Amino acid sequence: MKTLSSVIETRNFSSTSKNKIVPSIFSGFAAPRLDNLYSVLLVFEFSSPCSTAIDLTQVSDRLPTISQFEHEEEVLILPYTLFKVTKVTEETDTEPFSIYLQNVTAPEQSLISFFRIKLEDIK
């Protein structure tokens, strides 16, 4: 993560929010620091729709919200989503360490291929 333009891959389900206030509530940034642990804000940026980032808010009048906490404006990022590190900022008195990540578009087939491989491993 030290090098800009590095590409990283998520390995778990990541609950994120379109509302910047929400992660600051959960980050513990204002709380006393324990054992040199630091809060880090990951800022996920998407320049186009992404099939592995699921918007759980109400996206139309016909479709209700999926999230139990609609006010959090949750977006669920699935495992194996790729991001390029575009910026890293250090902690200040008012902001935590921040890592800015730009989504790297991967072919739709890559996710499908992954699940096929995993299903074949089970057999």
Protein backbone atom coordinates (compact mmCIF):
# COMPACT_ATOMS: atom_id res chain seq x y z
CA MET A 1 0.00 0.00 0.00
CA LYS A 2 3.00 2.31 0.18
CA THR A 3 3.28 2.62 -3.58
CA LEU A 4 0.84 4.65 -5.62
CA SER A 5 -0.62 2.78 -8.58
CA SER A 6 -0.34 -0.55 -6.74
CA VAL A 7 -3.32 -2.79 -7.42
CA ILE A 8 -5.01 -4.50 -4.51
CA GLU A 9 -7.79 -7.06 -4.35
CA THR A 10 -10.46 -7.28 -1.68
CA ARG A 11 -10.59 -10.68 0.00
CA ASN A 12 -13.72 -10.25 2.09
CA PHE A 13 -17.12 -8.59 1.97
CA SER A 14 -16.60 -4.88 2.64
CA SER A 15 -19.48 -2.83 3.96
CA THR A 16 -18.99 0.75 2.78
CA SER A 17 -21.08 3.90 2.65
CA LYS A 18 -21.74 6.66 0.13
CA ASN A 19 -22.09 9.02 3.11
CA LYS A 20 -18.68 10.11 4.49
CA ILE A 21 -20.11 10.67 7.99
CA VAL A 22 -21.01 6.98 8.41
CA PRO A 23 -17.47 5.53 8.33
CA SER A 24 -16.25 8.27 10.67
CA ILE A 25 -18.79 7.06 13.24
CA PHE A 26 -17.47 3.48 13.05
CA SER A 27 -13.75 4.30 12.67
CA GLY A 28 -12.98 5.16 16.26
CA PHE A 29 -10.83 8.05 14.99
CA ALA A 30 -11.80 10.44 17.80
CA ALA A 31 -11.44 7.75 20.49
CA PRO A 32 -8.24 7.37 22.53
CA ARG A 33 -5.61 5.33 20.67
CA LEU A 34 -4.77 1.88 22.02
CA ASP A 35 -1.37 0.21 21.49
CA ASN A 36 -0.39 2.42 18.54
CA LEU A 37 -3.44 1.38 16.53
CA TYR A 38 -4.57 3.89 13.92
CA SER A 39 -7.85 4.48 12.14
CA VAL A 40 -7.59 4.27 8.36
CA LEU A 41 -10.31 5.50 6.03
CA LEU A 42 -10.52 3.65 2.72
CA VAL A 43 -12.14 5.80 0.03
CA PHE A 44 -13.45 3.60 -2.78
CA GLU A 45 -14.00 5.41 -6.08
CA PHE A 46 -15.99 4.01 -9.00
CA SER A 47 -15.90 5.74 -12.39
CA SER A 48 -18.44 3.32 -13.85
CA PRO A 49 -20.97 0.77 -12.55
CA CYS A 50 -19.33 -2.28 -11.00
CA SER A 51 -20.96 -5.71 -10.78
CA THR A 52 -19.08 -6.47 -7.55
CA ALA A 53 -20.23 -3.33 -5.71
CA ILE A 54 -23.86 -3.72 -4.69
CA ASP A 55 -25.81 -0.59 -3.77
CA LEU A 56 -28.12 -1.59 -0.90
CA THR A 57 -30.04 1.70 -0.86
CA GLN A 58 -33.29 2.31 -2.68
CA VAL A 59 -32.28 2.67 -6.32
CA SER A 60 -35.76 3.23 -7.78
CA ASP A 61 -39.39 3.70 -6.76
CA ARG A 62 -40.13 0.09 -7.72
CA LEU A 63 -37.28 -1.46 -5.73
CA PRO A 64 -37.16 -1.05 -1.94
CA THR A 65 -33.94 -0.67 -0.02
CA ILE A 66 -32.12 -3.90 0.82
CA SER A 67 -30.22 -2.48 3.79
CA GLN A 68 -31.71 -2.61 7.26
CA PHE A 69 -30.17 0.83 7.94
CA GLU A 70 -31.13 2.88 4.88
CA HIS A 71 -29.69 6.11 6.32
CA GLU A 72 -26.19 4.55 6.18
CA GLU A 73 -26.33 4.47 2.35
CA GLU A 74 -24.54 1.13 2.32
CA VAL A 75 -22.67 -0.31 -0.65
CA LEU A 76 -21.43 -3.89 -0.30
CA ILE A 77 -18.16 -4.63 -2.09
CA LEU A 78 -17.70 -8.30 -2.90
CA PRO A 79 -14.46 -10.26 -2.54
CA TYR A 80 -12.01 -10.19 -5.46
CA THR A 81 -12.83 -6.63 -6.49
CA LEU A 82 -9.75 -4.85 -7.82
CA PHE A 83 -8.61 -1.34 -6.90
CA LYS A 84 -5.63 0.85 -7.75
CA VAL A 85 -4.12 3.01 -5.00
CA THR A 86 -4.37 6.61 -6.21
CA LYS A 87 -3.56 8.62 -3.10
CA VAL A 88 -2.48 8.13 0.52
CA THR A 89 -2.80 10.89 3.11
CA GLU A 90 -1.41 10.94 6.62
CA GLU A 91 -3.42 11.51 9.75
CA THR A 92 -4.09 15.08 10.87
CA ASP A 93 -5.85 16.47 13.92
CA THR A 94 -9.17 16.32 12.07
CA GLU A 95 -8.79 13.44 9.57
CA PRO A 96 -7.61 9.82 9.87
CA PHE A 97 -5.06 8.23 7.57
CA SER A 98 -6.81 7.86 4.20
CA ILE A 99 -6.17 5.56 1.28
CA TYR A 100 -7.92 6.40 -1.99
CA LEU A 101 -8.73 3.43 -4.20
CA GLN A 102 -9.96 3.58 -7.81
CA ASN A 103 -11.91 0.56 -9.03
CA VAL A 104 -10.15 -1.41 -11.74
CA THR A 105 -12.70 -2.81 -14.14
CA ALA A 106 -12.33 -6.54 -14.66
CA PRO A 107 -14.11 -8.59 -17.33
CA GLU A 108 -17.44 -10.00 -16.13
CA GLN A 109 -16.21 -13.44 -17.06
CA SER A 110 -13.43 -13.32 -14.46
CA LEU A 111 -15.88 -13.51 -11.54
CA ILE A 112 -17.90 -16.25 -13.22
CA SER A 113 -14.71 -18.19 -13.95
CA PHE A 114 -13.71 -17.94 -10.30
CA PHE A 115 -16.97 -19.50 -9.13
CA ARG A 116 -16.72 -22.27 -11.74
CA ILE A 117 -13.24 -23.15 -10.57
CA LYS A 118 -14.33 -23.22 -6.94
CA LEU A 119 -17.34 -25.44 -7.75
CA GLU A 120 -15.09 -27.86 -9.63
CA ASP A 121 -12.76 -28.00 -6.62
CA ILE A 122 -15.68 -29.14 -4.45
CA LYS A 123 -16.58 -32.10 -6.69
